[in-house]
Amino acid sequence: MTKPVLTGPTMVLLVRNLQKSIRFYEHLGFTCELIGGPIVQHVHMKRDSVTFILHPVTKEEDVRPYSSIEGGLYFDAFCYGDVRRLLEEFMDKEIQIVRGPDLNDSFSEFTIQDPDGYRIAFGG
């Protein structure tokens, strides 16, 4: 018997301004899919096998990226890929790099930050 295949994971990001966040992720090359029926509750931002669910909050203080709390990691999400090509793409789009790039032969990575302070690292 073969194991069932998992896909994803999909991560929920609580956001203050849904339209601003959509524009940011579209600029990164993600596509937007409205989810939730006649009254849209959230959106899926997808690029390749990475999906972020953007969900608007009613209280701004509910947005607390893990990377912003004392003792938190330096990233909230980690994506694997062709780091050098992604770095070149993002630099061409003038997306600010907040950590790195750390480029070497064994493992390379860099980190960006979205409008709500979520830090997304790209490594490989």
PDB file of N, CA and C in Angstrom:
ATOM      1  N   MET A   1       0.844  -1.182   0.000  1.00  0.00           N
ATOM      2  CA  MET A   1       0.000   0.000   0.000  1.00  0.00           C
ATOM      3  C   MET A   1       0.891   1.248   0.000  1.00  0.00           C
ATOM      4  N   THR A   2       0.608   2.194  -0.865  1.00  0.00           N
ATOM      5  CA  THR A   2       1.398   3.417  -0.935  1.00  0.00           C
ATOM      6  C   THR A   2       0.839   4.461   0.027  1.00  0.00           C
ATOM      7  N   LYS A   3       1.741   5.301   0.502  1.00  0.00           N
ATOM      8  CA  LYS A   3       1.336   6.383   1.399  1.00  0.00           C
ATOM      9  C   LYS A   3       0.554   7.442   0.635  1.00  0.00           C
ATOM     10  N   PRO A   4      -0.420   8.068   1.289  1.00  0.00           N
ATOM     11  CA  PRO A   4      -1.091   9.195   0.641  1.00  0.00           C
ATOM     12  C   PRO A   4      -0.111  10.362   0.492  1.00  0.00           C
ATOM     13  N   VAL A   5      -0.253  11.123  -0.571  1.00  0.00           N
ATOM     14  CA  VAL A   5       0.642  12.233  -0.866  1.00  0.00           C
ATOM     15  C   VAL A   5       0.101  13.512  -0.239  1.00  0.00           C
ATOM     16  N   LEU A   6       0.986  14.218   0.458  1.00  0.00           N
ATOM     17  CA  LEU A   6       0.624  15.523   1.002  1.00  0.00           C
ATOM     18  C   LEU A   6       1.097  16.609   0.054  1.00  0.00           C
ATOM     19  N   THR A   7       0.376  17.678  -0.011  1.00  0.00           N
ATOM     20  CA  THR A   7       0.824  18.857  -0.756  1.00  0.00           C
ATOM     21  C   THR A   7       0.783  20.041   0.198  1.00  0.00           C
ATOM     22  N   GLY A   8       1.447  21.097  -0.190  1.00  0.00           N
ATOM     23  CA  GLY A   8       1.451  22.273   0.686  1.00  0.00           C
ATOM     24  C   GLY A   8       2.754  22.331   1.437  1.00  0.00           C
ATOM     25  N   PRO A   9       2.799  22.829   2.615  1.00  0.00           N
ATOM     26  CA  PRO A   9       1.671  23.335   3.392  1.00  0.00           C
ATOM     27  C   PRO A   9       1.229  24.713   2.907  1.00  0.00           C
ATOM     28  N   THR A  10       0.074  25.111   3.355  1.00  0.00           N
ATOM     29  CA  THR A  10      -0.443  26.441   3.073  1.00  0.00           C
ATOM     30  C   THR A  10      -0.449  27.196   4.388  1.00  0.00           C
ATOM     31  N   MET A  11       0.055  28.401   4.369  1.00  0.00           N
ATOM     32  CA  MET A  11       0.211  29.181   5.597  1.00  0.00           C
ATOM     33  C   MET A  11      -0.739  30.363   5.592  1.00  0.00           C
ATOM     34  N   VAL A  12      -1.402  30.602   6.725  1.00  0.00           N
ATOM     35  CA  VAL A  12      -2.290  31.752   6.870  1.00  0.00           C
ATOM     36  C   VAL A  12      -1.487  32.937   7.385  1.00  0.00           C
ATOM     37  N   LEU A  13      -1.602  34.068   6.687  1.00  0.00           N
ATOM     38  CA  LEU A  13      -0.986  35.317   7.115  1.00  0.00           C
ATOM     39  C   LEU A  13      -2.105  36.314   7.398  1.00  0.00           C
ATOM     40  N   LEU A  14      -2.203  36.747   8.641  1.00  0.00           N
ATOM     41  CA  LEU A  14      -3.186  37.771   8.993  1.00  0.00           C
ATOM     42  C   LEU A  14      -2.655  39.113   8.513  1.00  0.00           C
ATOM     43  N   VAL A  15      -3.477  39.871   7.793  1.00  0.00           N
ATOM     44  CA  VAL A  15      -3.013  41.116   7.188  1.00  0.00           C
ATOM     45  C   VAL A  15      -3.917  42.285   7.572  1.00  0.00           C
ATOM     46  N   ARG A  16      -3.296  43.471   7.627  1.00  0.00           N
ATOM     47  CA  ARG A  16      -4.029  44.702   7.968  1.00  0.00           C
ATOM     48  C   ARG A  16      -4.784  45.272   6.770  1.00  0.00           C
ATOM     49  N   ASN A  17      -4.146  45.237   5.603  1.00  0.00           N
ATOM     50  CA  ASN A  17      -4.712  45.830   4.397  1.00  0.00           C
ATOM     51  C   ASN A  17      -4.628  44.791   3.286  1.00  0.00           C
ATOM     52  N   LEU A  18      -5.747  44.157   2.999  1.00  0.00           N
ATOM     53  CA  LEU A  18      -5.762  43.040   2.058  1.00  0.00           C
ATOM     54  C   LEU A  18      -5.281  43.457   0.667  1.00  0.00           C
ATOM     55  N   GLN A  19      -5.750  44.575   0.161  1.00  0.00           N
ATOM     56  CA  GLN A  19      -5.359  45.007  -1.184  1.00  0.00           C
ATOM     57  C   GLN A  19      -3.864  45.304  -1.280  1.00  0.00           C
ATOM     58  N   LYS A  20      -3.310  45.935  -0.249  1.00  0.00           N
ATOM     59  CA  LYS A  20      -1.874  46.230  -0.229  1.00  0.00           C
ATOM     60  C   LYS A  20      -1.062  44.934  -0.234  1.00  0.00           C
ATOM     61  N   SER A  21      -1.507  43.960   0.544  1.00  0.00           N
ATOM     62  CA  SER A  21      -0.815  42.668   0.599  1.00  0.00           C
ATOM     63  C   SER A  21      -0.923  41.926  -0.728  1.00  0.00           C
ATOM     64  N   ILE A  22      -2.094  41.963  -1.343  1.00  0.00           N
ATOM     65  CA  ILE A  22      -2.273  41.315  -2.650  1.00  0.00           C
ATOM     66  C   ILE A  22      -1.296  41.911  -3.651  1.00  0.00           C
ATOM     67  N   ARG A  23      -1.208  43.229  -3.704  1.00  0.00           N
ATOM     68  CA  ARG A  23      -0.286  43.889  -4.654  1.00  0.00           C
ATOM     69  C   ARG A  23       1.163  43.466  -4.395  1.00  0.00           C
ATOM     70  N   PHE A  24       1.555  43.384  -3.109  1.00  0.00           N
ATOM     71  CA  PHE A  24       2.920  42.993  -2.771  1.00  0.00           C
ATOM     72  C   PHE A  24       3.217  41.586  -3.299  1.00  0.00           C
ATOM     73  N   TYR A  25       2.336  40.627  -3.009  1.00  0.00           N
ATOM     74  CA  TYR A  25       2.594  39.245  -3.424  1.00  0.00           C
ATOM     75  C   TYR A  25       2.484  39.084  -4.939  1.00  0.00           C
ATOM     76  N   GLU A  26       1.605  39.838  -5.580  1.00  0.00           N
ATOM     77  CA  GLU A  26       1.562  39.796  -7.041  1.00  0.00           C
ATOM     78  C   GLU A  26       2.877  40.309  -7.624  1.00  0.00           C
ATOM     79  N   HIS A  27       3.460  41.319  -7.005  1.00  0.00           N
ATOM     80  CA  HIS A  27       4.750  41.849  -7.454  1.00  0.00           C
ATOM     81  C   HIS A  27       5.849  40.784  -7.326  1.00  0.00           C
ATOM     82  N   LEU A  28       5.690  39.876  -6.358  1.00  0.00           N
ATOM     83  CA  LEU A  28       6.635  38.763  -6.197  1.00  0.00           C
ATOM     84  C   LEU A  28       6.389  37.646  -7.203  1.00  0.00           C
ATOM     85  N   GLY A  29       5.335  37.757  -8.004  1.00  0.00           N
ATOM     86  CA  GLY A  29       5.040  36.727  -8.991  1.00  0.00           C
ATOM     87  C   GLY A  29       3.961  35.750  -8.580  1.00  0.00           C
ATOM     88  N   PHE A  30       3.274  36.020  -7.474  1.00  0.00           N
ATOM     89  CA  PHE A  30       2.179  35.162  -7.024  1.00  0.00           C
ATOM     90  C   PHE A  30       0.903  35.548  -7.770  1.00  0.00           C
ATOM     91  N   THR A  31       0.015  34.583  -7.947  1.00  0.00           N
ATOM     92  CA  THR A  31      -1.300  34.868  -8.511  1.00  0.00           C
ATOM     93  C   THR A  31      -2.325  34.858  -7.385  1.00  0.00           C
ATOM     94  N   CYS A  32      -3.381  35.603  -7.589  1.00  0.00           N
ATOM     95  CA  CYS A  32      -4.399  35.799  -6.558  1.00  0.00           C
ATOM     96  C   CYS A  32      -5.665  35.026  -6.913  1.00  0.00           C
ATOM     97  N   GLU A  33      -6.198  34.287  -5.938  1.00  0.00           N
ATOM     98  CA  GLU A  33      -7.473  33.595  -6.110  1.00  0.00           C
ATOM     99  C   GLU A  33      -8.376  33.990  -4.951  1.00  0.00           C
ATOM    100  N   LEU A  34      -9.530  34.565  -5.260  1.00  0.00           N
ATOM    101  CA  LEU A  34     -10.491  34.955  -4.234  1.00  0.00           C
ATOM    102  C   LEU A  34     -11.210  33.718  -3.723  1.00  0.00           C
ATOM    103  N   ILE A  35     -11.313  33.571  -2.414  1.00  0.00           N
ATOM    104  CA  ILE A  35     -11.922  32.401  -1.787  1.00  0.00           C
ATOM    105  C   ILE A  35     -12.983  32.886  -0.807  1.00  0.00           C
ATOM    106  N   GLY A  36     -14.090  32.180  -0.719  1.00  0.00           N
ATOM    107  CA  GLY A  36     -15.050  32.499   0.327  1.00  0.00           C
ATOM    108  C   GLY A  36     -16.468  32.736  -0.130  1.00  0.00           C
ATOM    109  N   GLY A  37     -16.778  32.504  -1.387  1.00  0.00           N
ATOM    110  CA  GLY A  37     -18.155  32.651  -1.823  1.00  0.00           C
ATOM    111  C   GLY A  37     -18.514  34.077  -2.187  1.00  0.00           C
ATOM    112  N   PRO A  38     -19.800  34.422  -2.055  1.00  0.00           N
ATOM    113  CA  PRO A  38     -20.255  35.741  -2.495  1.00  0.00           C
ATOM    114  C   PRO A  38     -19.601  36.899  -1.732  1.00  0.00           C
ATOM    115  N   ILE A  39     -19.278  36.684  -0.488  1.00  0.00           N
ATOM    116  CA  ILE A  39     -18.560  37.690   0.296  1.00  0.00           C
ATOM    117  C   ILE A  39     -17.185  37.112   0.565  1.00  0.00           C
ATOM    118  N   VAL A  40     -16.175  37.679  -0.088  1.00  0.00           N
ATOM    119  CA  VAL A  40     -14.826  37.113  -0.014  1.00  0.00           C
ATOM    120  C   VAL A  40     -14.281  37.254   1.406  1.00  0.00           C
ATOM    121  N   GLN A  41     -13.863  36.152   1.983  1.00  0.00           N
ATOM    122  CA  GLN A  41     -13.317  36.126   3.326  1.00  0.00           C
ATOM    123  C   GLN A  41     -11.791  36.229   3.339  1.00  0.00           C
ATOM    124  N   HIS A  42     -11.140  35.673   2.332  1.00  0.00           N
ATOM    125  CA  HIS A  42      -9.684  35.720   2.239  1.00  0.00           C
ATOM    126  C   HIS A  42      -9.266  35.394   0.811  1.00  0.00           C
ATOM    127  N   VAL A  43      -7.976  35.478   0.566  1.00  0.00           N
ATOM    128  CA  VAL A  43      -7.459  35.158  -0.766  1.00  0.00           C
ATOM    129  C   VAL A  43      -6.309  34.172  -0.649  1.00  0.00           C
ATOM    130  N   HIS A  44      -6.133  33.394  -1.696  1.00  0.00           N
ATOM    131  CA  HIS A  44      -4.967  32.521  -1.816  1.00  0.00           C
ATOM    132  C   HIS A  44      -3.996  33.193  -2.758  1.00  0.00           C
ATOM    133  N   MET A  45      -2.752  33.334  -2.328  1.00  0.00           N
ATOM    134  CA  MET A  45      -1.679  33.850  -3.174  1.00  0.00           C
ATOM    135  C   MET A  45      -0.777  32.660  -3.474  1.00  0.00           C
ATOM    136  N   LYS A  46      -0.644  32.320  -4.761  1.00  0.00           N
ATOM    137  CA  LYS A  46       0.053  31.092  -5.134  1.00  0.00           C
ATOM    138  C   LYS A  46       1.135  31.368  -6.166  1.00  0.00           C
ATOM    139  N   ARG A  47       2.282  30.760  -5.919  1.00  0.00           N
ATOM    140  CA  ARG A  47       3.366  30.739  -6.906  1.00  0.00           C
ATOM    141  C   ARG A  47       3.994  29.353  -6.827  1.00  0.00           C
ATOM    142  N   ASP A  48       3.927  28.638  -7.927  1.00  0.00           N
ATOM    143  CA  ASP A  48       4.425  27.264  -7.985  1.00  0.00           C
ATOM    144  C   ASP A  48       3.736  26.445  -6.897  1.00  0.00           C
ATOM    145  N   SER A  49       4.485  25.829  -5.971  1.00  0.00           N
ATOM    146  CA  SER A  49       3.835  25.012  -4.935  1.00  0.00           C
ATOM    147  C   SER A  49       3.715  25.742  -3.604  1.00  0.00           C
ATOM    148  N   VAL A  50       3.934  27.063  -3.602  1.00  0.00           N
ATOM    149  CA  VAL A  50       3.817  27.861  -2.378  1.00  0.00           C
ATOM    150  C   VAL A  50       2.489  28.608  -2.410  1.00  0.00           C
ATOM    151  N   THR A  51       1.712  28.475  -1.332  1.00  0.00           N
ATOM    152  CA  THR A  51       0.458  29.208  -1.207  1.00  0.00           C
ATOM    153  C   THR A  51       0.407  29.884   0.155  1.00  0.00           C
ATOM    154  N   PHE A  52       0.100  31.170   0.143  1.00  0.00           N
ATOM    155  CA  PHE A  52      -0.178  31.909   1.373  1.00  0.00           C
ATOM    156  C   PHE A  52      -1.648  32.291   1.341  1.00  0.00           C
ATOM    157  N   ILE A  53      -2.338  32.060   2.449  1.00  0.00           N
ATOM    158  CA  ILE A  53      -3.713  32.527   2.590  1.00  0.00           C
ATOM    159  C   ILE A  53      -3.655  33.862   3.318  1.00  0.00           C
ATOM    160  N   LEU A  54      -4.112  34.917   2.655  1.00  0.00           N
ATOM    161  CA  LEU A  54      -4.152  36.234   3.279  1.00  0.00           C
ATOM    162  C   LEU A  54      -5.541  36.436   3.856  1.00  0.00           C
ATOM    163  N   HIS A  55      -5.586  36.710   5.141  1.00  0.00           N
ATOM    164  CA  HIS A  55      -6.871  36.882   5.817  1.00  0.00           C
ATOM    165  C   HIS A  55      -6.869  38.219   6.546  1.00  0.00           C
ATOM    166  N   PRO A  56      -7.816  39.108   6.223  1.00  0.00           N
ATOM    167  CA  PRO A  56      -7.835  40.421   6.866  1.00  0.00           C
ATOM    168  C   PRO A  56      -8.272  40.336   8.325  1.00  0.00           C
ATOM    169  N   VAL A  57      -7.661  41.177   9.144  1.00  0.00           N
ATOM    170  CA  VAL A  57      -8.025  41.244  10.558  1.00  0.00           C
ATOM    171  C   VAL A  57      -8.936  42.440  10.793  1.00  0.00           C
ATOM    172  N   THR A  58      -9.672  42.394  11.877  1.00  0.00           N
ATOM    173  CA  THR A  58     -10.494  43.547  12.242  1.00  0.00           C
ATOM    174  C   THR A  58      -9.744  44.459  13.215  1.00  0.00           C
ATOM    175  N   LYS A  59      -8.794  43.883  13.960  1.00  0.00           N
ATOM    176  CA  LYS A  59      -7.981  44.678  14.892  1.00  0.00           C
ATOM    177  C   LYS A  59      -6.519  44.569  14.457  1.00  0.00           C
ATOM    178  N   GLU A  60      -5.883  45.715  14.179  1.00  0.00           N
ATOM    179  CA  GLU A  60      -4.499  45.721  13.690  1.00  0.00           C
ATOM    180  C   GLU A  60      -3.538  44.989  14.608  1.00  0.00           C
ATOM    181  N   GLU A  61      -3.780  45.048  15.911  1.00  0.00           N
ATOM    182  CA  GLU A  61      -2.861  44.404  16.859  1.00  0.00           C
ATOM    183  C   GLU A  61      -2.886  42.877  16.765  1.00  0.00           C
ATOM    184  N   ASP A  62      -3.846  42.321  16.027  1.00  0.00           N
ATOM    185  CA  ASP A  62      -3.879  40.867  15.830  1.00  0.00           C
ATOM    186  C   ASP A  62      -2.787  40.379  14.885  1.00  0.00           C
ATOM    187  N   VAL A  63      -2.169  41.282  14.133  1.00  0.00           N
ATOM    188  CA  VAL A  63      -1.072  40.905  13.237  1.00  0.00           C
ATOM    189  C   VAL A  63       0.210  40.917  14.054  1.00  0.00           C
ATOM    190  N   ARG A  64       0.752  39.721  14.308  1.00  0.00           N
ATOM    191  CA  ARG A  64       1.994  39.580  15.086  1.00  0.00           C
ATOM    192  C   ARG A  64       2.868  38.520  14.456  1.00  0.00           C
ATOM    193  N   PRO A  65       3.682  38.906  13.490  1.00  0.00           N
ATOM    194  CA  PRO A  65       4.583  37.925  12.884  1.00  0.00           C
ATOM    195  C   PRO A  65       5.486  37.286  13.944  1.00  0.00           C
ATOM    196  N   TYR A  66       5.676  35.996  13.828  1.00  0.00           N
ATOM    197  CA  TYR A  66       6.524  35.261  14.764  1.00  0.00           C
ATOM    198  C   TYR A  66       7.934  35.841  14.806  1.00  0.00           C
ATOM    199  N   SER A  67       8.419  36.308  13.653  1.00  0.00           N
ATOM    200  CA  SER A  67       9.776  36.857  13.585  1.00  0.00           C
ATOM    201  C   SER A  67       9.921  38.154  14.372  1.00  0.00           C
ATOM    202  N   SER A  68       8.816  38.779  14.747  1.00  0.00           N
ATOM    203  CA  SER A  68       8.875  40.059  15.455  1.00  0.00           C
ATOM    204  C   SER A  68       8.866  39.917  16.976  1.00  0.00           C
ATOM    205  N   ILE A  69       8.620  38.709  17.476  1.00  0.00           N
ATOM    206  CA  ILE A  69       8.570  38.546  18.924  1.00  0.00           C
ATOM    207  C   ILE A  69       9.930  38.103  19.471  1.00  0.00           C
ATOM    208  N   GLU A  70      10.205  38.483  20.682  1.00  0.00           N
ATOM    209  CA  GLU A  70      11.479  38.110  21.308  1.00  0.00           C
ATOM    210  C   GLU A  70      11.599  36.592  21.358  1.00  0.00           C
ATOM    211  N   GLY A  71      12.709  36.085  20.874  1.00  0.00           N
ATOM    212  CA  GLY A  71      12.935  34.645  20.850  1.00  0.00           C
ATOM    213  C   GLY A  71      12.429  33.974  19.585  1.00  0.00           C
ATOM    214  N   GLY A  72      11.765  34.734  18.707  1.00  0.00           N
ATOM    215  CA  GLY A  72      11.261  34.172  17.455  1.00  0.00           C
ATOM    216  C   GLY A  72      12.395  33.959  16.462  1.00  0.00           C
ATOM    217  N   LEU A  73      12.137  33.141  15.473  1.00  0.00           N
ATOM    218  CA  LEU A  73      13.109  32.932  14.401  1.00  0.00           C
ATOM    219  C   LEU A  73      13.204  34.182  13.545  1.00  0.00           C
ATOM    220  N   TYR A  74      14.173  34.214  12.653  1.00  0.00           N
ATOM    221  CA  TYR A  74      14.344  35.367  11.768  1.00  0.00           C
ATOM    222  C   TYR A  74      13.399  35.310  10.568  1.00  0.00           C
ATOM    223  N   PHE A  75      12.576  34.287  10.461  1.00  0.00           N
ATOM    224  CA  PHE A  75      11.611  34.187   9.363  1.00  0.00           C
ATOM    225  C   PHE A  75      10.298  33.635   9.887  1.00  0.00           C
ATOM    226  N   ASP A  76       9.228  33.937   9.130  1.00  0.00           N
ATOM    227  CA  ASP A  76       7.898  33.406   9.426  1.00  0.00           C
ATOM    228  C   ASP A  76       7.522  32.283   8.468  1.00  0.00           C
ATOM    229  N   ALA A  77       8.099  32.328   7.277  1.00  0.00           N
ATOM    230  CA  ALA A  77       7.885  31.284   6.270  1.00  0.00           C
ATOM    231  C   ALA A  77       9.209  31.060   5.556  1.00  0.00           C
ATOM    232  N   PHE A  78       9.434  29.821   5.157  1.00  0.00           N
ATOM    233  CA  PHE A  78      10.671  29.479   4.448  1.00  0.00           C
ATOM    234  C   PHE A  78      10.286  28.781   3.154  1.00  0.00           C
ATOM    235  N   CYS A  79      10.806  29.280   2.045  1.00  0.00           N
ATOM    236  CA  CYS A  79      10.541  28.705   0.727  1.00  0.00           C
ATOM    237  C   CYS A  79      11.850  28.225   0.126  1.00  0.00           C
ATOM    238  N   TYR A  80      11.810  27.042  -0.475  1.00  0.00           N
ATOM    239  CA  TYR A  80      12.992  26.494  -1.126  1.00  0.00           C
ATOM    240  C   TYR A  80      12.914  26.762  -2.618  1.00  0.00           C
ATOM    241  N   GLY A  81      14.063  27.035  -3.222  1.00  0.00           N
ATOM    242  CA  GLY A  81      14.076  27.278  -4.658  1.00  0.00           C
ATOM    243  C   GLY A  81      15.464  27.627  -5.135  1.00  0.00           C
ATOM    244  N   ASP A  82      15.534  28.108  -6.356  1.00  0.00           N
ATOM    245  CA  ASP A  82      16.781  28.523  -6.971  1.00  0.00           C
ATOM    246  C   ASP A  82      17.109  29.921  -6.442  1.00  0.00           C
ATOM    247  N   VAL A  83      17.856  29.958  -5.361  1.00  0.00           N
ATOM    248  CA  VAL A  83      18.091  31.194  -4.615  1.00  0.00           C
ATOM    249  C   VAL A  83      18.698  32.285  -5.476  1.00  0.00           C
ATOM    250  N   ARG A  84      19.696  31.941  -6.246  1.00  0.00           N
ATOM    251  CA  ARG A  84      20.387  32.973  -7.042  1.00  0.00           C
ATOM    252  C   ARG A  84      19.457  33.592  -8.085  1.00  0.00           C
ATOM    253  N   ARG A  85      18.652  32.779  -8.722  1.00  0.00           N
ATOM    254  CA  ARG A  85      17.724  33.316  -9.724  1.00  0.00           C
ATOM    255  C   ARG A  85      16.608  34.113  -9.056  1.00  0.00           C
ATOM    256  N   LEU A  86      16.105  33.626  -7.925  1.00  0.00           N
ATOM    257  CA  LEU A  86      15.083  34.386  -7.191  1.00  0.00           C
ATOM    258  C   LEU A  86      15.640  35.724  -6.724  1.00  0.00           C
ATOM    259  N   LEU A  87      16.855  35.705  -6.195  1.00  0.00           N
ATOM    260  CA  LEU A  87      17.491  36.931  -5.737  1.00  0.00           C
ATOM    261  C   LEU A  87      17.607  37.932  -6.889  1.00  0.00           C
ATOM    262  N   GLU A  88      18.046  37.462  -8.041  1.00  0.00           N
ATOM    263  CA  GLU A  88      18.178  38.335  -9.211  1.00  0.00           C
ATOM    264  C   GLU A  88      16.806  38.901  -9.611  1.00  0.00           C
ATOM    265  N   GLU A  89      15.783  38.041  -9.623  1.00  0.00           N
ATOM    266  CA  GLU A  89      14.428  38.478  -9.967  1.00  0.00           C
ATOM    267  C   GLU A  89      13.937  39.550  -9.000  1.00  0.00           C
ATOM    268  N   PHE A  90      14.098  39.298  -7.709  1.00  0.00           N
ATOM    269  CA  PHE A  90      13.593  40.230  -6.709  1.00  0.00           C
ATOM    270  C   PHE A  90      14.379  41.541  -6.719  1.00  0.00           C
ATOM    271  N   MET A  91      15.682  41.461  -6.937  1.00  0.00           N
ATOM    272  CA  MET A  91      16.479  42.685  -7.011  1.00  0.00           C
ATOM    273  C   MET A  91      16.082  43.504  -8.243  1.00  0.00           C
ATOM    274  N   ASP A  92      15.798  42.844  -9.367  1.00  0.00           N
ATOM    275  CA  ASP A  92      15.324  43.547 -10.554  1.00  0.00           C
ATOM    276  C   ASP A  92      14.007  44.267 -10.275  1.00  0.00           C
ATOM    277  N   LYS A  93      13.179  43.677  -9.397  1.00  0.00           N
ATOM    278  CA  LYS A  93      11.888  44.278  -9.035  1.00  0.00           C
ATOM    279  C   LYS A  93      12.016  45.265  -7.871  1.00  0.00           C
ATOM    280  N   GLU A  94      13.261  45.477  -7.410  1.00  0.00           N
ATOM    281  CA  GLU A  94      13.559  46.390  -6.306  1.00  0.00           C
ATOM    282  C   GLU A  94      12.833  46.017  -5.011  1.00  0.00           C
ATOM    283  N   ILE A  95      12.763  44.717  -4.747  1.00  0.00           N
ATOM    284  CA  ILE A  95      12.195  44.217  -3.490  1.00  0.00           C
ATOM    285  C   ILE A  95      13.308  44.230  -2.451  1.00  0.00           C
ATOM    286  N   GLN A  96      13.035  44.835  -1.310  1.00  0.00           N
ATOM    287  CA  GLN A  96      14.067  44.999  -0.284  1.00  0.00           C
ATOM    288  C   GLN A  96      14.426  43.660   0.359  1.00  0.00           C
ATOM    289  N   ILE A  97      15.719  43.395   0.440  1.00  0.00           N
ATOM    290  CA  ILE A  97      16.242  42.219   1.133  1.00  0.00           C
ATOM    291  C   ILE A  97      16.563  42.668   2.557  1.00  0.00           C
ATOM    292  N   VAL A  98      15.968  41.998   3.565  1.00  0.00           N
ATOM    293  CA  VAL A  98      16.179  42.419   4.954  1.00  0.00           C
ATOM    294  C   VAL A  98      17.216  41.571   5.684  1.00  0.00           C
ATOM    295  N   ARG A  99      17.586  40.444   5.099  1.00  0.00           N
ATOM    296  CA  ARG A  99      18.628  39.590   5.682  1.00  0.00           C
ATOM    297  C   ARG A  99      19.326  38.867   4.550  1.00  0.00           C
ATOM    298  N   GLY A 100      20.662  38.920   4.544  1.00  0.00           N
ATOM    299  CA  GLY A 100      21.420  38.293   3.481  1.00  0.00           C
ATOM    300  C   GLY A 100      21.603  39.265   2.329  1.00  0.00           C
ATOM    301  N   PRO A 101      21.916  38.766   1.164  1.00  0.00           N
ATOM    302  CA  PRO A 101      21.980  37.341   0.845  1.00  0.00           C
ATOM    303  C   PRO A 101      23.248  36.686   1.364  1.00  0.00           C
ATOM    304  N   ASP A 102      23.107  35.435   1.743  1.00  0.00           N
ATOM    305  CA  ASP A 102      24.231  34.595   2.134  1.00  0.00           C
ATOM    306  C   ASP A 102      24.353  33.550   1.033  1.00  0.00           C
ATOM    307  N   LEU A 103      25.301  33.753   0.140  1.00  0.00           N
ATOM    308  CA  LEU A 103      25.453  32.867  -1.017  1.00  0.00           C
ATOM    309  C   LEU A 103      26.730  32.049  -0.880  1.00  0.00           C
ATOM    310  N   ASN A 104      26.575  30.724  -0.912  1.00  0.00           N
ATOM    311  CA  ASN A 104      27.744  29.847  -0.911  1.00  0.00           C
ATOM    312  C   ASN A 104      27.392  28.560  -1.645  1.00  0.00           C
ATOM    313  N   ASP A 105      28.350  27.654  -1.757  1.00  0.00           N
ATOM    314  CA  ASP A 105      28.150  26.444  -2.543  1.00  0.00           C
ATOM    315  C   ASP A 105      27.297  25.386  -1.857  1.00  0.00           C
ATOM    316  N   SER A 106      27.187  25.422  -0.521  1.00  0.00           N
ATOM    317  CA  SER A 106      26.433  24.369   0.151  1.00  0.00           C
ATOM    318  C   SER A 106      24.972  24.751   0.388  1.00  0.00           C
ATOM    319  N   PHE A 107      24.709  25.990   0.805  1.00  0.00           N
ATOM    320  CA  PHE A 107      23.331  26.436   1.034  1.00  0.00           C
ATOM    321  C   PHE A 107      23.316  27.953   1.006  1.00  0.00           C
ATOM    322  N   SER A 108      22.402  28.519   0.262  1.00  0.00           N
ATOM    323  CA  SER A 108      22.297  29.968   0.141  1.00  0.00           C
ATOM    324  C   SER A 108      20.903  30.401   0.565  1.00  0.00           C
ATOM    325  N   GLU A 109      20.803  31.632   1.071  1.00  0.00           N
ATOM    326  CA  GLU A 109      19.483  32.133   1.421  1.00  0.00           C
ATOM    327  C   GLU A 109      19.476  33.655   1.542  1.00  0.00           C
ATOM    328  N   PHE A 110      18.261  34.192   1.487  1.00  0.00           N
ATOM    329  CA  PHE A 110      18.018  35.601   1.751  1.00  0.00           C
ATOM    330  C   PHE A 110      16.594  35.735   2.260  1.00  0.00           C
ATOM    331  N   THR A 111      16.291  36.878   2.863  1.00  0.00           N
ATOM    332  CA  THR A 111      14.979  37.093   3.476  1.00  0.00           C
ATOM    333  C   THR A 111      14.419  38.441   3.041  1.00  0.00           C
ATOM    334  N   ILE A 112      13.110  38.442   2.760  1.00  0.00           N
ATOM    335  CA  ILE A 112      12.388  39.677   2.460  1.00  0.00           C
ATOM    336  C   ILE A 112      11.336  39.887   3.540  1.00  0.00           C
ATOM    337  N   GLN A 113      10.674  41.031   3.510  1.00  0.00           N
ATOM    338  CA  GLN A 113       9.629  41.326   4.493  1.00  0.00           C
ATOM    339  C   GLN A 113       8.417  41.910   3.773  1.00  0.00           C
ATOM    340  N   ASP A 114       7.229  41.421   4.124  1.00  0.00           N
ATOM    341  CA  ASP A 114       6.012  41.923   3.479  1.00  0.00           C
ATOM    342  C   ASP A 114       5.473  43.145   4.231  1.00  0.00           C
ATOM    343  N   PRO A 115       4.400  43.774   3.747  1.00  0.00           N
ATOM    344  CA  PRO A 115       3.890  45.003   4.368  1.00  0.00           C
ATOM    345  C   PRO A 115       3.454  44.851   5.829  1.00  0.00           C
ATOM    346  N   ASP A 116       3.129  43.624   6.259  1.00  0.00           N
ATOM    347  CA  ASP A 116       2.719  43.403   7.643  1.00  0.00           C
ATOM    348  C   ASP A 116       3.845  42.932   8.545  1.00  0.00           C
ATOM    349  N   GLY A 117       5.061  42.895   8.010  1.00  0.00           N
ATOM    350  CA  GLY A 117       6.207  42.507   8.805  1.00  0.00           C
ATOM    351  C   GLY A 117       6.548  41.033   8.764  1.00  0.00           C
ATOM    352  N   TYR A 118       5.797  40.235   7.994  1.00  0.00           N
ATOM    353  CA  TYR A 118       6.146  38.821   7.862  1.00  0.00           C
ATOM    354  C   TYR A 118       7.437  38.704   7.077  1.00  0.00           C
ATOM    355  N   ARG A 119       8.359  37.931   7.611  1.00  0.00           N
ATOM    356  CA  ARG A 119       9.648  37.728   6.945  1.00  0.00           C
ATOM    357  C   ARG A 119       9.619  36.368   6.257  1.00  0.00           C
ATOM    358  N   ILE A 120       9.920  36.399   4.973  1.00  0.00           N
ATOM    359  CA  ILE A 120       9.907  35.189   4.164  1.00  0.00           C
ATOM    360  C   ILE A 120      11.314  34.934   3.660  1.00  0.00           C
ATOM    361  N   ALA A 121      11.860  33.793   4.068  1.00  0.00           N
ATOM    362  CA  ALA A 121      13.214  33.417   3.663  1.00  0.00           C
ATOM    363  C   ALA A 121      13.126  32.496   2.451  1.00  0.00           C
ATOM    364  N   PHE A 122      14.118  32.631   1.581  1.00  0.00           N
ATOM    365  CA  PHE A 122      14.234  31.786   0.402  1.00  0.00           C
ATOM    366  C   PHE A 122      15.599  31.123   0.474  1.00  0.00           C
ATOM    367  N   GLY A 123      15.626  29.789   0.396  1.00  0.00           N
ATOM    368  CA  GLY A 123      16.884  29.090   0.534  1.00  0.00           C
ATOM    369  C   GLY A 123      16.976  27.884  -0.372  1.00  0.00           C
ATOM    370  N   GLY A 124      18.193  27.416  -0.550  1.00  0.00           N
ATOM    371  CA  GLY A 124      18.406  26.222  -1.354  1.00  0.00           C
ATOM    372  C   GLY A 124      19.870  26.023  -1.638  1.00  0.00           C
TER     373      GLY A 124
END
